[in-house]
């Protein structure tokens, strides 16, 4: 695992974020990974986990790596979630 990247974050309800990227002590980015190829395929569970972790860790850089879907959308609390296909 590269320096500054921890494998995942999990809350008491079992919601998980796949990767937490740190710059020093600060959380710089939260990353989810999904096999989804379109927006409908990205589960609500992934988005909810990102938003929960974002609030708890004080991070607004939210990224979901997908199989083939690309986009950006505003989530709860005004946070933006970027969706980037793996091949990019």
PDB file of N, CA and C in Angstrom:
ATOM      1  N   UNK A   1       0.854  -1.171   0.000  1.00  0.00           N
ATOM      2  CA  UNK A   1       0.000   0.000   0.000  1.00  0.00           C
ATOM      3  C   UNK A   1       0.904   1.239   0.000  1.00  0.00           C
ATOM      4  N   UNK A   2       0.662   2.216  -0.893  1.00  0.00           N
ATOM      5  CA  UNK A   2       1.482   3.425  -0.925  1.00  0.00           C
ATOM      6  C   UNK A   2       1.392   4.199   0.393  1.00  0.00           C
ATOM      7  N   UNK A   3       2.446   4.922   0.694  1.00  0.00           N
ATOM      8  CA  UNK A   3       2.459   5.739   1.906  1.00  0.00           C
ATOM      9  C   UNK A   3       1.319   6.745   1.838  1.00  0.00           C
ATOM     10  N   UNK A   4       0.624   6.929   2.953  1.00  0.00           N
ATOM     11  CA  UNK A   4      -0.477   7.879   3.013  1.00  0.00           C
ATOM     12  C   UNK A   4      -1.820   7.308   2.603  1.00  0.00           C
ATOM     13  N   UNK A   5      -1.874   6.022   2.249  1.00  0.00           N
ATOM     14  CA  UNK A   5      -3.138   5.390   1.863  1.00  0.00           C
ATOM     15  C   UNK A   5      -3.422   4.271   2.848  1.00  0.00           C
ATOM     16  N   UNK A   6      -4.591   4.334   3.467  1.00  0.00           N
ATOM     17  CA  UNK A   6      -5.013   3.250   4.344  1.00  0.00           C
ATOM     18  C   UNK A   6      -6.071   2.448   3.600  1.00  0.00           C
ATOM     19  N   UNK A   7      -6.158   1.153   3.874  1.00  0.00           N
ATOM     20  CA  UNK A   7      -7.025   0.312   3.063  1.00  0.00           C
ATOM     21  C   UNK A   7      -8.513   0.649   3.126  1.00  0.00           C
ATOM     22  N   UNK A   8      -9.030   1.055   4.241  1.00  0.00           N
ATOM     23  CA  UNK A   8     -10.458   1.363   4.266  1.00  0.00           C
ATOM     24  C   UNK A   8     -10.848   2.060   5.563  1.00  0.00           C
ATOM     25  N   UNK A   9     -12.074   2.589   5.558  1.00  0.00           N
ATOM     26  CA  UNK A   9     -12.703   3.192   6.737  1.00  0.00           C
ATOM     27  C   UNK A   9     -14.004   2.436   6.941  1.00  0.00           C
ATOM     28  N   UNK A  10     -14.348   2.179   8.187  1.00  0.00           N
ATOM     29  CA  UNK A  10     -15.607   1.500   8.502  1.00  0.00           C
ATOM     30  C   UNK A  10     -16.220   2.159   9.722  1.00  0.00           C
ATOM     31  N   UNK A  11     -17.542   2.378   9.684  1.00  0.00           N
ATOM     32  CA  UNK A  11     -18.222   2.933  10.858  1.00  0.00           C
ATOM     33  C   UNK A  11     -18.883   1.804  11.656  1.00  0.00           C
ATOM     34  N   UNK A  12     -19.499   2.162  12.752  1.00  0.00           N
ATOM     35  CA  UNK A  12     -20.098   1.173  13.652  1.00  0.00           C
ATOM     36  C   UNK A  12     -21.272   0.430  13.021  1.00  0.00           C
ATOM     37  N   UNK A  13     -21.847   0.972  11.935  1.00  0.00           N
ATOM     38  CA  UNK A  13     -22.963   0.298  11.260  1.00  0.00           C
ATOM     39  C   UNK A  13     -22.486  -0.565  10.088  1.00  0.00           C
ATOM     40  N   UNK A  14     -21.176  -0.661   9.926  1.00  0.00           N
ATOM     41  CA  UNK A  14     -20.625  -1.516   8.888  1.00  0.00           C
ATOM     42  C   UNK A  14     -20.463  -0.867   7.528  1.00  0.00           C
ATOM     43  N   UNK A  15     -20.762   0.432   7.400  1.00  0.00           N
ATOM     44  CA  UNK A  15     -20.535   1.122   6.129  1.00  0.00           C
ATOM     45  C   UNK A  15     -19.038   1.264   5.924  1.00  0.00           C
ATOM     46  N   UNK A  16     -18.583   1.060   4.686  1.00  0.00           N
ATOM     47  CA  UNK A  16     -17.151   1.100   4.398  1.00  0.00           C
ATOM     48  C   UNK A  16     -16.829   1.989   3.211  1.00  0.00           C
ATOM     49  N   UNK A  17     -15.661   2.620   3.289  1.00  0.00           N
ATOM     50  CA  UNK A  17     -15.059   3.324   2.168  1.00  0.00           C
ATOM     51  C   UNK A  17     -13.774   2.565   1.864  1.00  0.00           C
ATOM     52  N   UNK A  18     -13.539   2.287   0.594  1.00  0.00           N
ATOM     53  CA  UNK A  18     -12.451   1.390   0.212  1.00  0.00           C
ATOM     54  C   UNK A  18     -11.051   1.934   0.503  1.00  0.00           C
ATOM     55  N   UNK A  19     -10.814   3.224   0.254  1.00  0.00           N
ATOM     56  CA  UNK A  19      -9.487   3.790   0.482  1.00  0.00           C
ATOM     57  C   UNK A  19      -9.588   5.179   1.098  1.00  0.00           C
ATOM     58  N   UNK A  20      -8.694   5.452   2.038  1.00  0.00           N
ATOM     59  CA  UNK A  20      -8.573   6.763   2.666  1.00  0.00           C
ATOM     60  C   UNK A  20      -7.175   7.263   2.325  1.00  0.00           C
ATOM     61  N   UNK A  21      -7.091   8.360   1.565  1.00  0.00           N
ATOM     62  CA  UNK A  21      -5.808   8.917   1.155  1.00  0.00           C
ATOM     63  C   UNK A  21      -5.491  10.091   2.079  1.00  0.00           C
ATOM     64  N   UNK A  22      -4.316  10.014   2.704  1.00  0.00           N
ATOM     65  CA  UNK A  22      -3.908  11.055   3.653  1.00  0.00           C
ATOM     66  C   UNK A  22      -2.706  11.820   3.125  1.00  0.00           C
ATOM     67  N   UNK A  23      -2.641  13.078   3.485  1.00  0.00           N
ATOM     68  CA  UNK A  23      -1.471  13.919   3.272  1.00  0.00           C
ATOM     69  C   UNK A  23      -1.062  14.382   4.656  1.00  0.00           C
ATOM     70  N   UNK A  24      -0.060  13.733   5.209  1.00  0.00           N
ATOM     71  CA  UNK A  24       0.279  13.970   6.611  1.00  0.00           C
ATOM     72  C   UNK A  24      -0.878  13.469   7.456  1.00  0.00           C
ATOM     73  N   UNK A  25      -1.285  14.247   8.456  1.00  0.00           N
ATOM     74  CA  UNK A  25      -2.403  13.813   9.306  1.00  0.00           C
ATOM     75  C   UNK A  25      -3.777  14.101   8.699  1.00  0.00           C
ATOM     76  N   UNK A  26      -3.819  14.880   7.613  1.00  0.00           N
ATOM     77  CA  UNK A  26      -5.081  15.299   7.014  1.00  0.00           C
ATOM     78  C   UNK A  26      -5.580  14.266   6.000  1.00  0.00           C
ATOM     79  N   UNK A  27      -6.877  13.982   6.016  1.00  0.00           N
ATOM     80  CA  UNK A  27      -7.492  13.107   5.018  1.00  0.00           C
ATOM     81  C   UNK A  27      -7.730  13.950   3.765  1.00  0.00           C
ATOM     82  N   UNK A  28      -7.067  13.576   2.672  1.00  0.00           N
ATOM     83  CA  UNK A  28      -7.127  14.349   1.436  1.00  0.00           C
ATOM     84  C   UNK A  28      -8.208  13.867   0.479  1.00  0.00           C
ATOM     85  N   UNK A  29      -8.503  12.558   0.489  1.00  0.00           N
ATOM     86  CA  UNK A  29      -9.453  12.002  -0.469  1.00  0.00           C
ATOM     87  C   UNK A  29     -10.018  10.693   0.060  1.00  0.00           C
ATOM     88  N   UNK A  30     -11.281  10.455  -0.263  1.00  0.00           N
ATOM     89  CA  UNK A  30     -11.936   9.183   0.043  1.00  0.00           C
ATOM     90  C   UNK A  30     -12.299   8.539  -1.285  1.00  0.00           C
ATOM     91  N   UNK A  31     -11.998   7.249  -1.419  1.00  0.00           N
ATOM     92  CA  UNK A  31     -12.178   6.565  -2.698  1.00  0.00           C
ATOM     93  C   UNK A  31     -12.995   5.289  -2.516  1.00  0.00           C
ATOM     94  N   UNK A  32     -14.054   5.173  -3.313  1.00  0.00           N
ATOM     95  CA  UNK A  32     -14.843   3.949  -3.409  1.00  0.00           C
ATOM     96  C   UNK A  32     -14.525   3.312  -4.753  1.00  0.00           C
ATOM     97  N   UNK A  33     -14.617   2.003  -4.832  1.00  0.00           N
ATOM     98  CA  UNK A  33     -14.411   1.283  -6.076  1.00  0.00           C
ATOM     99  C   UNK A  33     -15.611   0.368  -6.290  1.00  0.00           C
ATOM    100  N   UNK A  34     -16.154   0.410  -7.509  1.00  0.00           N
ATOM    101  CA  UNK A  34     -17.320  -0.405  -7.826  1.00  0.00           C
ATOM    102  C   UNK A  34     -17.209  -0.950  -9.241  1.00  0.00           C
ATOM    103  N   UNK A  35     -17.833  -2.062  -9.488  1.00  0.00           N
ATOM    104  CA  UNK A  35     -17.837  -2.691 -10.803  1.00  0.00           C
ATOM    105  C   UNK A  35     -18.925  -2.094 -11.705  1.00  0.00           C
ATOM    106  N   UNK A  36     -19.668  -1.132 -11.211  1.00  0.00           N
ATOM    107  CA  UNK A  36     -20.797  -0.559 -11.947  1.00  0.00           C
ATOM    108  C   UNK A  36     -20.360   0.069 -13.264  1.00  0.00           C
ATOM    109  N   UNK A  37     -21.190  -0.084 -14.292  1.00  0.00           N
ATOM    110  CA  UNK A  37     -20.886   0.505 -15.592  1.00  0.00           C
ATOM    111  C   UNK A  37     -21.814   1.672 -15.920  1.00  0.00           C
ATOM    112  N   UNK A  38     -22.793   1.942 -15.056  1.00  0.00           N
ATOM    113  CA  UNK A  38     -23.653   3.119 -15.225  1.00  0.00           C
ATOM    114  C   UNK A  38     -24.049   3.652 -13.855  1.00  0.00           C
ATOM    115  N   UNK A  39     -24.674   4.827 -13.835  1.00  0.00           N
ATOM    116  CA  UNK A  39     -25.003   5.472 -12.559  1.00  0.00           C
ATOM    117  C   UNK A  39     -25.955   4.631 -11.725  1.00  0.00           C
ATOM    118  N   UNK A  40     -26.908   3.988 -12.358  1.00  0.00           N
ATOM    119  CA  UNK A  40     -27.865   3.175 -11.619  1.00  0.00           C
ATOM    120  C   UNK A  40     -27.175   1.996 -10.928  1.00  0.00           C
ATOM    121  N   UNK A  41     -26.065   1.546 -11.501  1.00  0.00           N
ATOM    122  CA  UNK A  41     -25.337   0.427 -10.938  1.00  0.00           C
ATOM    123  C   UNK A  41     -24.526   0.774  -9.697  1.00  0.00           C
ATOM    124  N   UNK A  42     -24.254   2.065  -9.524  1.00  0.00           N
ATOM    125  CA  UNK A  42     -23.514   2.495  -8.334  1.00  0.00           C
ATOM    126  C   UNK A  42     -24.494   2.466  -7.171  1.00  0.00           C
ATOM    127  N   UNK A  43     -24.266   1.587  -6.259  1.00  0.00           N
ATOM    128  CA  UNK A  43     -25.203   1.380  -5.167  1.00  0.00           C
ATOM    129  C   UNK A  43     -25.331   2.569  -4.221  1.00  0.00           C
ATOM    130  N   UNK A  44     -26.497   2.679  -3.663  1.00  0.00           N
ATOM    131  CA  UNK A  44     -26.751   3.716  -2.655  1.00  0.00           C
ATOM    132  C   UNK A  44     -25.816   3.533  -1.465  1.00  0.00           C
ATOM    133  N   UNK A  45     -25.483   2.288  -1.186  1.00  0.00           N
ATOM    134  CA  UNK A  45     -24.595   1.963  -0.076  1.00  0.00           C
ATOM    135  C   UNK A  45     -23.235   2.649  -0.233  1.00  0.00           C
ATOM    136  N   UNK A  46     -22.677   2.637  -1.459  1.00  0.00           N
ATOM    137  CA  UNK A  46     -21.381   3.271  -1.697  1.00  0.00           C
ATOM    138  C   UNK A  46     -21.442   4.770  -1.441  1.00  0.00           C
ATOM    139  N   UNK A  47     -22.494   5.417  -1.952  1.00  0.00           N
ATOM    140  CA  UNK A  47     -22.642   6.862  -1.772  1.00  0.00           C
ATOM    141  C   UNK A  47     -22.847   7.223  -0.300  1.00  0.00           C
ATOM    142  N   UNK A  48     -23.683   6.474   0.394  1.00  0.00           N
ATOM    143  CA  UNK A  48     -23.930   6.757   1.813  1.00  0.00           C
ATOM    144  C   UNK A  48     -22.658   6.610   2.639  1.00  0.00           C
ATOM    145  N   UNK A  49     -21.865   5.604   2.345  1.00  0.00           N
ATOM    146  CA  UNK A  49     -20.616   5.412   3.072  1.00  0.00           C
ATOM    147  C   UNK A  49     -19.657   6.579   2.834  1.00  0.00           C
ATOM    148  N   UNK A  50     -19.565   7.043   1.585  1.00  0.00           N
ATOM    149  CA  UNK A  50     -18.704   8.193   1.288  1.00  0.00           C
ATOM    150  C   UNK A  50     -19.137   9.439   2.058  1.00  0.00           C
ATOM    151  N   UNK A  51     -20.431   9.705   2.075  1.00  0.00           N
ATOM    152  CA  UNK A  51     -20.947  10.898   2.754  1.00  0.00           C
ATOM    153  C   UNK A  51     -20.706  10.801   4.255  1.00  0.00           C
ATOM    154  N   UNK A  52     -20.952   9.648   4.837  1.00  0.00           N
ATOM    155  CA  UNK A  52     -20.733   9.457   6.279  1.00  0.00           C
ATOM    156  C   UNK A  52     -19.260   9.642   6.628  1.00  0.00           C
ATOM    157  N   UNK A  53     -18.384   9.020   5.858  1.00  0.00           N
ATOM    158  CA  UNK A  53     -16.947   9.146   6.107  1.00  0.00           C
ATOM    159  C   UNK A  53     -16.486  10.583   5.903  1.00  0.00           C
ATOM    160  N   UNK A  54     -17.032  11.242   4.898  1.00  0.00           N
ATOM    161  CA  UNK A  54     -16.693  12.640   4.626  1.00  0.00           C
ATOM    162  C   UNK A  54     -16.995  13.527   5.828  1.00  0.00           C
ATOM    163  N   UNK A  55     -18.164  13.343   6.400  1.00  0.00           N
ATOM    164  CA  UNK A  55     -18.554  14.132   7.567  1.00  0.00           C
ATOM    165  C   UNK A  55     -17.677  13.808   8.772  1.00  0.00           C
ATOM    166  N   UNK A  56     -17.409  12.535   8.990  1.00  0.00           N
ATOM    167  CA  UNK A  56     -16.630  12.128  10.156  1.00  0.00           C
ATOM    168  C   UNK A  56     -15.154  12.511  10.049  1.00  0.00           C
ATOM    169  N   UNK A  57     -14.602  12.414   8.839  1.00  0.00           N
ATOM    170  CA  UNK A  57     -13.175  12.657   8.658  1.00  0.00           C
ATOM    171  C   UNK A  57     -12.839  14.055   8.154  1.00  0.00           C
ATOM    172  N   UNK A  58     -13.860  14.857   7.859  1.00  0.00           N
ATOM    173  CA  UNK A  58     -13.634  16.228   7.410  1.00  0.00           C
ATOM    174  C   UNK A  58     -13.004  16.317   6.032  1.00  0.00           C
ATOM    175  N   UNK A  59     -13.456  15.465   5.112  1.00  0.00           N
ATOM    176  CA  UNK A  59     -12.892  15.427   3.763  1.00  0.00           C
ATOM    177  C   UNK A  59     -13.993  15.675   2.737  1.00  0.00           C
ATOM    178  N   UNK A  60     -13.739  16.583   1.788  1.00  0.00           N
ATOM    179  CA  UNK A  60     -14.727  16.877   0.754  1.00  0.00           C
ATOM    180  C   UNK A  60     -14.334  16.365  -0.620  1.00  0.00           C
ATOM    181  N   UNK A  61     -13.182  15.732  -0.755  1.00  0.00           N
ATOM    182  CA  UNK A  61     -12.726  15.171  -2.025  1.00  0.00           C
ATOM    183  C   UNK A  61     -13.199  13.718  -2.093  1.00  0.00           C
ATOM    184  N   UNK A  62     -14.299  13.495  -2.808  1.00  0.00           N
ATOM    185  CA  UNK A  62     -14.952  12.187  -2.848  1.00  0.00           C
ATOM    186  C   UNK A  62     -14.903  11.630  -4.260  1.00  0.00           C
ATOM    187  N   UNK A  63     -14.365  10.425  -4.395  1.00  0.00           N
ATOM    188  CA  UNK A  63     -14.163   9.816  -5.703  1.00  0.00           C
ATOM    189  C   UNK A  63     -14.693   8.388  -5.689  1.00  0.00           C
ATOM    190  N   UNK A  64     -15.421   8.041  -6.750  1.00  0.00           N
ATOM    191  CA  UNK A  64     -15.841   6.663  -6.951  1.00  0.00           C
ATOM    192  C   UNK A  64     -15.269   6.200  -8.286  1.00  0.00           C
ATOM    193  N   UNK A  65     -14.487   5.131  -8.242  1.00  0.00           N
ATOM    194  CA  UNK A  65     -13.931   4.550  -9.454  1.00  0.00           C
ATOM    195  C   UNK A  65     -14.911   3.478  -9.926  1.00  0.00           C
ATOM    196  N   UNK A  66     -15.353   3.614 -11.179  1.00  0.00           N
ATOM    197  CA  UNK A  66     -16.353   2.710 -11.748  1.00  0.00           C
ATOM    198  C   UNK A  66     -15.735   1.904 -12.890  1.00  0.00           C
ATOM    199  N   UNK A  67     -16.515   0.969 -13.405  1.00  0.00           N
ATOM    200  CA  UNK A  67     -16.057   0.213 -14.553  1.00  0.00           C
ATOM    201  C   UNK A  67     -16.065   1.086 -15.804  1.00  0.00           C
ATOM    202  N   UNK A  68     -17.159   1.844 -16.011  1.00  0.00           N
ATOM    203  CA  UNK A  68     -17.267   2.607 -17.254  1.00  0.00           C
ATOM    204  C   UNK A  68     -18.079   3.899 -17.117  1.00  0.00           C
ATOM    205  N   UNK A  69     -18.562   4.237 -15.938  1.00  0.00           N
ATOM    206  CA  UNK A  69     -19.397   5.435 -15.767  1.00  0.00           C
ATOM    207  C   UNK A  69     -18.534   6.628 -15.385  1.00  0.00           C
ATOM    208  N   UNK A  70     -18.839   7.787 -15.990  1.00  0.00           N
ATOM    209  CA  UNK A  70     -18.135   9.016 -15.658  1.00  0.00           C
ATOM    210  C   UNK A  70     -19.160  10.117 -15.406  1.00  0.00           C
ATOM    211  N   UNK A  71     -18.947  10.895 -14.386  1.00  0.00           N
ATOM    212  CA  UNK A  71     -19.847  11.982 -14.078  1.00  0.00           C
ATOM    213  C   UNK A  71     -19.506  12.621 -12.754  1.00  0.00           C
ATOM    214  N   UNK A  72     -20.379  13.528 -12.355  1.00  0.00           N
ATOM    215  CA  UNK A  72     -20.221  14.213 -11.080  1.00  0.00           C
ATOM    216  C   UNK A  72     -21.618  14.572 -10.602  1.00  0.00           C
ATOM    217  N   UNK A  73     -21.837  14.460  -9.303  1.00  0.00           N
ATOM    218  CA  UNK A  73     -23.147  14.835  -8.780  1.00  0.00           C
ATOM    219  C   UNK A  73     -23.009  15.345  -7.352  1.00  0.00           C
ATOM    220  N   UNK A  74     -23.948  16.187  -7.014  1.00  0.00           N
ATOM    221  CA  UNK A  74     -23.981  16.723  -5.661  1.00  0.00           C
ATOM    222  C   UNK A  74     -24.688  15.726  -4.758  1.00  0.00           C
ATOM    223  N   UNK A  75     -24.062  15.451  -3.638  1.00  0.00           N
ATOM    224  CA  UNK A  75     -24.629  14.519  -2.669  1.00  0.00           C
ATOM    225  C   UNK A  75     -25.175  15.304  -1.486  1.00  0.00           C
ATOM    226  N   UNK A  76     -25.671  14.590  -0.510  1.00  0.00           N
ATOM    227  CA  UNK A  76     -26.212  15.203   0.701  1.00  0.00           C
ATOM    228  C   UNK A  76     -25.178  16.136   1.315  1.00  0.00           C
ATOM    229  N   UNK A  77     -25.619  17.288   1.787  1.00  0.00           N
ATOM    230  CA  UNK A  77     -24.714  18.227   2.438  1.00  0.00           C
ATOM    231  C   UNK A  77     -23.914  19.068   1.458  1.00  0.00           C
ATOM    232  N   UNK A  78     -24.267  19.019   0.170  1.00  0.00           N
ATOM    233  CA  UNK A  78     -23.582  19.831  -0.815  1.00  0.00           C
ATOM    234  C   UNK A  78     -22.224  19.295  -1.250  1.00  0.00           C
ATOM    235  N   UNK A  79     -21.869  18.129  -0.823  1.00  0.00           N
ATOM    236  CA  UNK A  79     -20.587  17.544  -1.222  1.00  0.00           C
ATOM    237  C   UNK A  79     -20.705  16.983  -2.637  1.00  0.00           C
ATOM    238  N   UNK A  80     -19.648  17.142  -3.429  1.00  0.00           N
ATOM    239  CA  UNK A  80     -19.624  16.633  -4.787  1.00  0.00           C
ATOM    240  C   UNK A  80     -18.915  15.276  -4.823  1.00  0.00           C
ATOM    241  N   UNK A  81     -19.508  14.339  -5.536  1.00  0.00           N
ATOM    242  CA  UNK A  81     -18.909  13.024  -5.730  1.00  0.00           C
ATOM    243  C   UNK A  81     -18.558  12.906  -7.215  1.00  0.00           C
ATOM    244  N   UNK A  82     -17.287  12.632  -7.494  1.00  0.00           N
ATOM    245  CA  UNK A  82     -16.842  12.412  -8.875  1.00  0.00           C
ATOM    246  C   UNK A  82     -16.830  10.918  -9.163  1.00  0.00           C
ATOM    247  N   UNK A  83     -17.252  10.563 -10.375  1.00  0.00           N
ATOM    248  CA  UNK A  83     -17.248   9.186 -10.833  1.00  0.00           C
ATOM    249  C   UNK A  83     -16.290   9.111 -12.027  1.00  0.00           C
ATOM    250  N   UNK A  84     -15.292   8.250 -11.933  1.00  0.00           N
ATOM    251  CA  UNK A  84     -14.273   8.146 -12.962  1.00  0.00           C
ATOM    252  C   UNK A  84     -14.125   6.681 -13.364  1.00  0.00           C
ATOM    253  N   UNK A  85     -14.167   6.386 -14.676  1.00  0.00           N
ATOM    254  CA  UNK A  85     -13.979   5.001 -15.096  1.00  0.00           C
ATOM    255  C   UNK A  85     -12.543   4.539 -14.846  1.00  0.00           C
ATOM    256  N   UNK A  86     -12.393   3.288 -14.515  1.00  0.00           N
ATOM    257  CA  UNK A  86     -11.092   2.716 -14.209  1.00  0.00           C
ATOM    258  C   UNK A  86     -10.094   2.931 -15.333  1.00  0.00           C
ATOM    259  N   UNK A  87     -10.531   2.811 -16.564  1.00  0.00           N
ATOM    260  CA  UNK A  87      -9.612   2.928 -17.688  1.00  0.00           C
ATOM    261  C   UNK A  87      -9.010   4.315 -17.813  1.00  0.00           C
ATOM    262  N   UNK A  88      -9.598   5.314 -17.176  1.00  0.00           N
ATOM    263  CA  UNK A  88      -9.018   6.673 -17.209  1.00  0.00           C
ATOM    264  C   UNK A  88      -8.007   6.810 -16.117  1.00  0.00           C
TER     265      UNK A  88
END
